[in-house]
Amino acid sequence: MYKLYIVGIGPGNYEQMTIRAAEILKTCDVIVGYTVYIDLIREHFGEKEFLTTPMRQEVKRCEMAFETAMEGKTVAMICSGDAGVYGMSGLLYEMGARYPEVALEVIPGVTAATAGAAVLGAPLMHDFCLISLSDLLTPWEKIERRLRAAAEADFVICLYNPSSKKRKDYLRRACEILLEYQSPDIVCGTVVNIGRTGEQKKVLSLEALKEEQVDMFTTVFIGNSQTMSLEEMMVTPRGYRNV
């Protein structure tokens, strides 16, 4: 059997990559990935062969990885964060039926929700959900239903892909939906460039978040009704003190 690893490299900083992920990348022959992600790790694995594609060429990237593995090379497809959280592992398994000789193995990584939560303090201490605001693959109507359901259930909500050049007002629209169910004073947080140069965090209210300017490198955290701001950190109590 040929081998293709699907590796989550974490938020970007080499020190936040798992030991297992780093060891796999050291032993493989070829590393395949989105151009931006390859640039994050290239200096640490400079002796490897790199294959890249730009954004929105995910199928081509997977075909490239499979075909390279079929040449007898050990291949790693890298994904930012965790390969199974908005990553490439699902697509690779879907396409794997066409390449029965290639064995797939997922190597987990640190996703933006947990990496960003660490920067903000402890916002995910109770039940939470992840919702991407990108409507490239999911209709906005479905995203809106998910936002309403999460807000009504008082989940802590982590938002991926909150804005882009074509979706400048999507975070505002999301906040307007959440404000139908939650107080304007709900504690929220943002982290930009998690684990990378220029990392910054901010703790603010849901009402203020509606006016915040964010981009695709920002992860947004919206607290539940118990979430607190403690010394400019975002904390959601688990309830231990009530036991």
C-alpha atoms as a PDB file:
ATOM      1  CA  MET A   1       0.000   0.000   0.000  1.00  0.00           C
ATOM      2  CA  TYR A   2       1.056   3.558  -0.731  1.00  0.00           C
ATOM      3  CA  LYS A   3       0.789   6.143   2.067  1.00  0.00           C
ATOM      4  CA  LEU A   4      -0.857   9.556   2.241  1.00  0.00           C
ATOM      5  CA  TYR A   5      -0.948  11.419   5.553  1.00  0.00           C
ATOM      6  CA  ILE A   6      -3.425  14.228   6.195  1.00  0.00           C
ATOM      7  CA  VAL A   7      -1.675  16.499   8.672  1.00  0.00           C
ATOM      8  CA  GLY A   8      -3.109  19.321  10.758  1.00  0.00           C
ATOM      9  CA  ILE A   9      -0.260  21.799  11.303  1.00  0.00           C
ATOM     10  CA  GLY A  10      -2.022  23.934  13.916  1.00  0.00           C
ATOM     11  CA  PRO A  11      -2.501  27.706  13.757  1.00  0.00           C
ATOM     12  CA  GLY A  12       0.815  28.419  12.043  1.00  0.00           C
ATOM     13  CA  ASN A  13       3.638  28.711  14.564  1.00  0.00           C
ATOM     14  CA  TYR A  14       5.954  25.693  14.430  1.00  0.00           C
ATOM     15  CA  GLU A  15       5.969  25.434  18.233  1.00  0.00           C
ATOM     16  CA  GLN A  16       2.195  24.873  18.201  1.00  0.00           C
ATOM     17  CA  MET A  17       2.444  21.928  15.834  1.00  0.00           C
ATOM     18  CA  THR A  18       2.052  18.567  17.554  1.00  0.00           C
ATOM     19  CA  ILE A  19       5.150  16.390  17.906  1.00  0.00           C
ATOM     20  CA  ARG A  20       3.414  13.664  15.886  1.00  0.00           C
ATOM     21  CA  ALA A  21       2.668  16.094  13.023  1.00  0.00           C
ATOM     22  CA  ALA A  22       6.258  17.355  12.939  1.00  0.00           C
ATOM     23  CA  GLU A  23       7.649  13.828  12.936  1.00  0.00           C
ATOM     24  CA  ILE A  24       5.409  12.791  10.048  1.00  0.00           C
ATOM     25  CA  LEU A  25       6.492  15.800   7.992  1.00  0.00           C
ATOM     26  CA  LYS A  26      10.143  15.002   8.709  1.00  0.00           C
ATOM     27  CA  THR A  27       9.792  11.452   7.409  1.00  0.00           C
ATOM     28  CA  CYS A  28       7.652  12.029   4.310  1.00  0.00           C
ATOM     29  CA  ASP A  29       9.021  12.687   0.821  1.00  0.00           C
ATOM     30  CA  VAL A  30       6.528  15.254  -0.453  1.00  0.00           C
ATOM     31  CA  ILE A  31       4.403  17.905   1.290  1.00  0.00           C
ATOM     32  CA  VAL A  32       1.266  19.097  -0.517  1.00  0.00           C
ATOM     33  CA  GLY A  33      -0.834  22.073   0.506  1.00  0.00           C
ATOM     34  CA  TYR A  34      -2.423  25.446  -0.051  1.00  0.00           C
ATOM     35  CA  THR A  35       0.311  27.960  -0.905  1.00  0.00           C
ATOM     36  CA  VAL A  36      -0.150  30.050   2.273  1.00  0.00           C
ATOM     37  CA  TYR A  37       0.123  26.988   4.526  1.00  0.00           C
ATOM     38  CA  ILE A  38       3.220  25.689   2.751  1.00  0.00           C
ATOM     39  CA  ASP A  39       4.867  29.080   3.301  1.00  0.00           C
ATOM     40  CA  LEU A  40       4.212  28.747   7.053  1.00  0.00           C
ATOM     41  CA  ILE A  41       6.275  25.560   7.365  1.00  0.00           C
ATOM     42  CA  ARG A  42       8.730  25.679   4.451  1.00  0.00           C
ATOM     43  CA  GLU A  43      11.694  26.940   6.505  1.00  0.00           C
ATOM     44  CA  HIS A  44      11.401  23.994   8.902  1.00  0.00           C
ATOM     45  CA  PHE A  45      11.231  21.319   6.190  1.00  0.00           C
ATOM     46  CA  GLY A  46      13.295  22.930   3.452  1.00  0.00           C
ATOM     47  CA  GLU A  47      14.740  19.655   2.150  1.00  0.00           C
ATOM     48  CA  LYS A  48      11.307  18.324   1.172  1.00  0.00           C
ATOM     49  CA  GLU A  49       9.595  18.471  -2.195  1.00  0.00           C
ATOM     50  CA  PHE A  50       6.624  20.878  -2.049  1.00  0.00           C
ATOM     51  CA  LEU A  51       3.540  20.876  -4.265  1.00  0.00           C
ATOM     52  CA  THR A  52       1.038  23.718  -3.968  1.00  0.00           C
ATOM     53  CA  THR A  53      -2.218  25.017  -5.404  1.00  0.00           C
ATOM     54  CA  PRO A  54      -4.014  28.300  -4.710  1.00  0.00           C
ATOM     55  CA  MET A  55      -7.354  28.613  -2.941  1.00  0.00           C
ATOM     56  CA  ARG A  56     -10.440  26.987  -4.521  1.00  0.00           C
ATOM     57  CA  GLN A  57      -8.373  24.242  -6.155  1.00  0.00           C
ATOM     58  CA  GLU A  58      -8.948  21.701  -3.410  1.00  0.00           C
ATOM     59  CA  VAL A  59      -9.933  18.837  -5.732  1.00  0.00           C
ATOM     60  CA  LYS A  60      -6.863  19.379  -7.885  1.00  0.00           C
ATOM     61  CA  ARG A  61      -4.710  19.474  -4.732  1.00  0.00           C
ATOM     62  CA  CYS A  62      -6.096  16.133  -3.590  1.00  0.00           C
ATOM     63  CA  GLU A  63      -5.591  14.566  -7.013  1.00  0.00           C
ATOM     64  CA  MET A  64      -2.008  15.826  -6.949  1.00  0.00           C
ATOM     65  CA  ALA A  65      -1.453  14.216  -3.551  1.00  0.00           C
ATOM     66  CA  PHE A  66      -2.931  10.862  -4.609  1.00  0.00           C
ATOM     67  CA  GLU A  67      -1.035  10.747  -7.911  1.00  0.00           C
ATOM     68  CA  THR A  68       2.225  11.566  -6.150  1.00  0.00           C
ATOM     69  CA  ALA A  69       1.608   8.820  -3.589  1.00  0.00           C
ATOM     70  CA  MET A  70       0.968   6.382  -6.464  1.00  0.00           C
ATOM     71  CA  GLU A  71       4.521   7.091  -7.632  1.00  0.00           C
ATOM     72  CA  GLY A  72       5.726   5.379  -4.467  1.00  0.00           C
ATOM     73  CA  LYS A  73       6.483   8.530  -2.500  1.00  0.00           C
ATOM     74  CA  THR A  74       5.275   9.068   1.053  1.00  0.00           C
ATOM     75  CA  VAL A  75       3.064  12.148   0.899  1.00  0.00           C
ATOM     76  CA  ALA A  76       1.644  14.544   3.483  1.00  0.00           C
ATOM     77  CA  MET A  77      -1.285  16.817   2.713  1.00  0.00           C
ATOM     78  CA  ILE A  78      -1.161  19.681   5.216  1.00  0.00           C
ATOM     79  CA  CYS A  79      -4.092  21.688   6.552  1.00  0.00           C
ATOM     80  CA  SER A  80      -4.148  24.701   8.831  1.00  0.00           C
ATOM     81  CA  GLY A  81      -5.464  23.874  12.294  1.00  0.00           C
ATOM     82  CA  ASP A  82      -6.945  20.378  12.359  1.00  0.00           C
ATOM     83  CA  ALA A  83      -7.336  18.420   9.127  1.00  0.00           C
ATOM     84  CA  GLY A  84     -10.780  17.213  10.177  1.00  0.00           C
ATOM     85  CA  VAL A  85     -12.194  20.643  11.141  1.00  0.00           C
ATOM     86  CA  TYR A  86     -12.970  22.485   7.898  1.00  0.00           C
ATOM     87  CA  GLY A  87      -9.885  20.730   6.534  1.00  0.00           C
ATOM     88  CA  MET A  88      -9.076  18.324   3.705  1.00  0.00           C
ATOM     89  CA  SER A  89      -9.549  14.927   5.338  1.00  0.00           C
ATOM     90  CA  GLY A  90     -13.208  14.595   4.315  1.00  0.00           C
ATOM     91  CA  LEU A  91     -12.550  15.324   0.641  1.00  0.00           C
ATOM     92  CA  LEU A  92      -9.560  12.984   0.556  1.00  0.00           C
ATOM     93  CA  TYR A  93     -11.642  10.134   1.988  1.00  0.00           C
ATOM     94  CA  GLU A  94     -14.424  10.889  -0.523  1.00  0.00           C
ATOM     95  CA  MET A  95     -11.936  10.703  -3.394  1.00  0.00           C
ATOM     96  CA  GLY A  96     -10.056   7.745  -1.916  1.00  0.00           C
ATOM     97  CA  ALA A  97     -12.313   5.186  -3.592  1.00  0.00           C
ATOM     98  CA  ARG A  98     -10.590   6.066  -6.871  1.00  0.00           C
ATOM     99  CA  TYR A  99      -7.210   5.244  -5.302  1.00  0.00           C
ATOM    100  CA  PRO A 100      -7.683   1.965  -3.371  1.00  0.00           C
ATOM    101  CA  GLU A 101      -3.928   1.381  -3.290  1.00  0.00           C
ATOM    102  CA  VAL A 102      -3.374   4.515  -1.185  1.00  0.00           C
ATOM    103  CA  ALA A 103      -3.802   4.236   2.593  1.00  0.00           C
ATOM    104  CA  LEU A 104      -4.930   7.420   4.335  1.00  0.00           C
ATOM    105  CA  GLU A 105      -4.068   8.426   7.905  1.00  0.00           C
ATOM    106  CA  VAL A 106      -5.219  11.606   9.655  1.00  0.00           C
ATOM    107  CA  ILE A 107      -2.802  13.358  12.016  1.00  0.00           C
ATOM    108  CA  PRO A 108      -4.792  15.790  14.216  1.00  0.00           C
ATOM    109  CA  GLY A 109      -3.741  19.357  14.915  1.00  0.00           C
ATOM    110  CA  VAL A 110      -4.712  22.326  17.066  1.00  0.00           C
ATOM    111  CA  THR A 111      -7.700  24.084  15.509  1.00  0.00           C
ATOM    112  CA  ALA A 112      -8.299  27.847  15.672  1.00  0.00           C
ATOM    113  CA  ALA A 113     -11.124  27.445  18.203  1.00  0.00           C
ATOM    114  CA  THR A 114      -8.873  25.963  20.868  1.00  0.00           C
ATOM    115  CA  ALA A 115      -5.773  27.977  19.931  1.00  0.00           C
ATOM    116  CA  GLY A 116      -7.732  31.226  19.953  1.00  0.00           C
ATOM    117  CA  ALA A 117      -9.503  30.286  23.171  1.00  0.00           C
ATOM    118  CA  ALA A 118      -6.111  29.942  24.858  1.00  0.00           C
ATOM    119  CA  VAL A 119      -5.217  33.488  23.804  1.00  0.00           C
ATOM    120  CA  LEU A 120      -8.489  34.863  25.183  1.00  0.00           C
ATOM    121  CA  GLY A 121      -8.428  32.889  28.433  1.00  0.00           C
ATOM    122  CA  ALA A 122     -11.173  30.284  28.843  1.00  0.00           C
ATOM    123  CA  PRO A 123     -14.196  31.050  26.655  1.00  0.00           C
ATOM    124  CA  LEU A 124     -14.986  27.418  25.730  1.00  0.00           C
ATOM    125  CA  MET A 125     -15.309  25.932  29.214  1.00  0.00           C
ATOM    126  CA  HIS A 126     -18.928  24.932  28.628  1.00  0.00           C
ATOM    127  CA  ASP A 127     -20.943  23.679  25.642  1.00  0.00           C
ATOM    128  CA  PHE A 128     -19.994  25.441  22.428  1.00  0.00           C
ATOM    129  CA  CYS A 129     -20.345  25.147  18.666  1.00  0.00           C
ATOM    130  CA  LEU A 130     -18.334  26.121  15.575  1.00  0.00           C
ATOM    131  CA  ILE A 131     -20.021  27.883  12.671  1.00  0.00           C
ATOM    132  CA  SER A 132     -18.335  29.087   9.501  1.00  0.00           C
ATOM    133  CA  LEU A 133     -19.789  32.258   7.978  1.00  0.00           C
ATOM    134  CA  SER A 134     -18.433  31.362   4.537  1.00  0.00           C
ATOM    135  CA  ASP A 135     -21.302  30.719   2.132  1.00  0.00           C
ATOM    136  CA  LEU A 136     -19.033  29.365  -0.595  1.00  0.00           C
ATOM    137  CA  LEU A 137     -20.119  25.782   0.170  1.00  0.00           C
ATOM    138  CA  THR A 138     -23.070  26.398   2.523  1.00  0.00           C
ATOM    139  CA  PRO A 139     -26.084  28.587   1.664  1.00  0.00           C
ATOM    140  CA  TRP A 140     -26.476  31.655   3.863  1.00  0.00           C
ATOM    141  CA  GLU A 141     -30.022  30.552   4.734  1.00  0.00           C
ATOM    142  CA  LYS A 142     -28.645  27.418   6.393  1.00  0.00           C
ATOM    143  CA  ILE A 143     -25.920  29.409   8.190  1.00  0.00           C
ATOM    144  CA  GLU A 144     -28.615  31.735   9.517  1.00  0.00           C
ATOM    145  CA  ARG A 145     -30.661  28.801  10.847  1.00  0.00           C
ATOM    146  CA  ARG A 146     -27.601  27.452  12.631  1.00  0.00           C
ATOM    147  CA  LEU A 147     -26.864  30.847  14.188  1.00  0.00           C
ATOM    148  CA  ARG A 148     -30.428  31.134  15.455  1.00  0.00           C
ATOM    149  CA  ALA A 149     -30.428  27.626  16.890  1.00  0.00           C
ATOM    150  CA  ALA A 150     -27.085  28.141  18.663  1.00  0.00           C
ATOM    151  CA  ALA A 151     -28.125  31.510  20.092  1.00  0.00           C
ATOM    152  CA  GLU A 152     -31.496  30.230  21.283  1.00  0.00           C
ATOM    153  CA  ALA A 153     -29.765  27.307  23.025  1.00  0.00           C
ATOM    154  CA  ASP A 154     -27.275  29.701  24.706  1.00  0.00           C
ATOM    155  CA  PHE A 155     -24.198  28.019  23.264  1.00  0.00           C
ATOM    156  CA  VAL A 156     -20.840  29.745  23.265  1.00  0.00           C
ATOM    157  CA  ILE A 157     -20.279  30.248  19.541  1.00  0.00           C
ATOM    158  CA  CYS A 158     -16.975  30.264  17.682  1.00  0.00           C
ATOM    159  CA  LEU A 159     -17.134  31.780  14.195  1.00  0.00           C
ATOM    160  CA  TYR A 160     -14.706  30.824  11.454  1.00  0.00           C
ATOM    161  CA  ASN A 161     -14.325  32.813   8.207  1.00  0.00           C
ATOM    162  CA  PRO A 162     -16.214  35.827   9.599  1.00  0.00           C
ATOM    163  CA  SER A 163     -15.498  38.179   6.712  1.00  0.00           C
ATOM    164  CA  SER A 164     -13.825  38.553   3.325  1.00  0.00           C
ATOM    165  CA  LYS A 165     -13.661  41.075   0.503  1.00  0.00           C
ATOM    166  CA  LYS A 166     -16.920  39.720  -0.906  1.00  0.00           C
ATOM    167  CA  ARG A 167     -18.571  39.187   2.511  1.00  0.00           C
ATOM    168  CA  LYS A 168     -17.729  42.412   4.333  1.00  0.00           C
ATOM    169  CA  ASP A 169     -21.044  42.606   6.198  1.00  0.00           C
ATOM    170  CA  TYR A 170     -21.450  38.945   7.181  1.00  0.00           C
ATOM    171  CA  LEU A 171     -20.269  39.374  10.765  1.00  0.00           C
ATOM    172  CA  ARG A 172     -22.644  42.298  11.206  1.00  0.00           C
ATOM    173  CA  ARG A 173     -25.496  40.191   9.836  1.00  0.00           C
ATOM    174  CA  ALA A 174     -24.592  37.351  12.182  1.00  0.00           C
ATOM    175  CA  CYS A 175     -24.494  39.694  15.179  1.00  0.00           C
ATOM    176  CA  GLU A 176     -27.889  41.128  14.284  1.00  0.00           C
ATOM    177  CA  ILE A 177     -29.329  37.604  14.330  1.00  0.00           C
ATOM    178  CA  LEU A 178     -27.692  36.782  17.659  1.00  0.00           C
ATOM    179  CA  LEU A 179     -28.931  40.033  19.185  1.00  0.00           C
ATOM    180  CA  GLU A 180     -32.484  38.787  18.679  1.00  0.00           C
ATOM    181  CA  TYR A 181     -31.768  36.169  21.362  1.00  0.00           C
ATOM    182  CA  GLN A 182     -28.864  37.498  23.426  1.00  0.00           C
ATOM    183  CA  SER A 183     -28.124  40.661  25.406  1.00  0.00           C
ATOM    184  CA  PRO A 184     -26.040  43.378  23.696  1.00  0.00           C
ATOM    185  CA  ASP A 185     -23.674  43.084  26.675  1.00  0.00           C
ATOM    186  CA  ILE A 186     -22.780  39.423  26.047  1.00  0.00           C
ATOM    187  CA  VAL A 187     -18.989  39.098  26.296  1.00  0.00           C
ATOM    188  CA  CYS A 188     -17.262  38.376  22.981  1.00  0.00           C
ATOM    189  CA  GLY A 189     -13.694  38.146  21.769  1.00  0.00           C
ATOM    190  CA  THR A 190     -11.648  38.193  18.594  1.00  0.00           C
ATOM    191  CA  VAL A 191      -8.179  36.860  17.851  1.00  0.00           C
ATOM    192  CA  VAL A 192      -6.361  37.704  14.636  1.00  0.00           C
ATOM    193  CA  ASN A 193      -3.350  35.785  13.259  1.00  0.00           C
ATOM    194  CA  ILE A 194      -3.500  33.086  15.928  1.00  0.00           C
ATOM    195  CA  GLY A 195      -0.027  31.668  16.538  1.00  0.00           C
ATOM    196  CA  ARG A 196       1.485  33.879  13.834  1.00  0.00           C
ATOM    197  CA  THR A 197       3.267  37.206  13.580  1.00  0.00           C
ATOM    198  CA  GLY A 198       0.893  40.022  14.472  1.00  0.00           C
ATOM    199  CA  GLU A 199      -1.321  38.020  16.818  1.00  0.00           C
ATOM    200  CA  GLN A 200      -3.802  40.317  18.600  1.00  0.00           C
ATOM    201  CA  LYS A 201      -6.811  39.742  20.816  1.00  0.00           C
ATOM    202  CA  LYS A 202      -9.746  41.910  21.837  1.00  0.00           C
ATOM    203  CA  VAL A 203     -12.555  41.414  24.357  1.00  0.00           C
ATOM    204  CA  LEU A 204     -15.721  43.382  23.636  1.00  0.00           C
ATOM    205  CA  SER A 205     -19.511  43.273  23.813  1.00  0.00           C
ATOM    206  CA  LEU A 206     -21.799  41.702  21.226  1.00  0.00           C
ATOM    207  CA  GLU A 207     -23.094  45.165  20.335  1.00  0.00           C
ATOM    208  CA  ALA A 208     -19.539  46.416  19.752  1.00  0.00           C
ATOM    209  CA  LEU A 209     -18.647  43.262  17.817  1.00  0.00           C
ATOM    210  CA  LYS A 210     -21.320  44.153  15.278  1.00  0.00           C
ATOM    211  CA  GLU A 211     -19.210  47.158  14.245  1.00  0.00           C
ATOM    212  CA  GLU A 212     -15.851  45.373  14.365  1.00  0.00           C
ATOM    213  CA  GLN A 213     -13.729  45.095  11.223  1.00  0.00           C
ATOM    214  CA  VAL A 214     -12.402  41.556  10.808  1.00  0.00           C
ATOM    215  CA  ASP A 215     -10.942  39.387   8.054  1.00  0.00           C
ATOM    216  CA  MET A 216     -10.400  35.729   7.151  1.00  0.00           C
ATOM    217  CA  PHE A 217      -7.499  35.519   9.594  1.00  0.00           C
ATOM    218  CA  THR A 218      -9.770  36.437  12.525  1.00  0.00           C
ATOM    219  CA  THR A 219     -11.540  33.938  14.766  1.00  0.00           C
ATOM    220  CA  VAL A 220     -14.557  35.263  16.629  1.00  0.00           C
ATOM    221  CA  PHE A 221     -15.855  34.055  19.996  1.00  0.00           C
ATOM    222  CA  ILE A 222     -19.347  34.905  21.248  1.00  0.00           C
ATOM    223  CA  GLY A 223     -20.006  34.049  24.867  1.00  0.00           C
ATOM    224  CA  ASN A 224     -23.121  32.592  26.451  1.00  0.00           C
ATOM    225  CA  SER A 225     -25.237  34.269  29.118  1.00  0.00           C
ATOM    226  CA  GLN A 226     -22.711  33.307  31.842  1.00  0.00           C
ATOM    227  CA  THR A 227     -19.501  34.350  30.071  1.00  0.00           C
ATOM    228  CA  MET A 228     -17.517  37.017  31.937  1.00  0.00           C
ATOM    229  CA  SER A 229     -14.735  39.482  31.224  1.00  0.00           C
ATOM    230  CA  LEU A 230     -12.060  39.081  33.895  1.00  0.00           C
ATOM    231  CA  GLU A 231      -9.055  41.395  33.634  1.00  0.00           C
ATOM    232  CA  GLU A 232      -9.525  41.683  29.858  1.00  0.00           C
ATOM    233  CA  MET A 233      -9.817  37.920  29.471  1.00  0.00           C
ATOM    234  CA  MET A 234     -12.895  35.995  28.339  1.00  0.00           C
ATOM    235  CA  VAL A 235     -14.071  33.307  30.782  1.00  0.00           C
ATOM    236  CA  THR A 236     -17.099  31.030  30.610  1.00  0.00           C
ATOM    237  CA  PRO A 237     -17.716  29.364  33.987  1.00  0.00           C
ATOM    238  CA  ARG A 238     -18.175  25.610  34.001  1.00  0.00           C
ATOM    239  CA  GLY A 239     -20.063  25.722  37.277  1.00  0.00           C
ATOM    240  CA  TYR A 240     -17.558  24.031  39.607  1.00  0.00           C
ATOM    241  CA  ARG A 241     -18.164  26.568  42.372  1.00  0.00           C
ATOM    242  CA  ASN A 242     -21.832  25.551  42.475  1.00  0.00           C
ATOM    243  CA  VAL A 243     -21.095  21.872  43.114  1.00  0.00           C
END
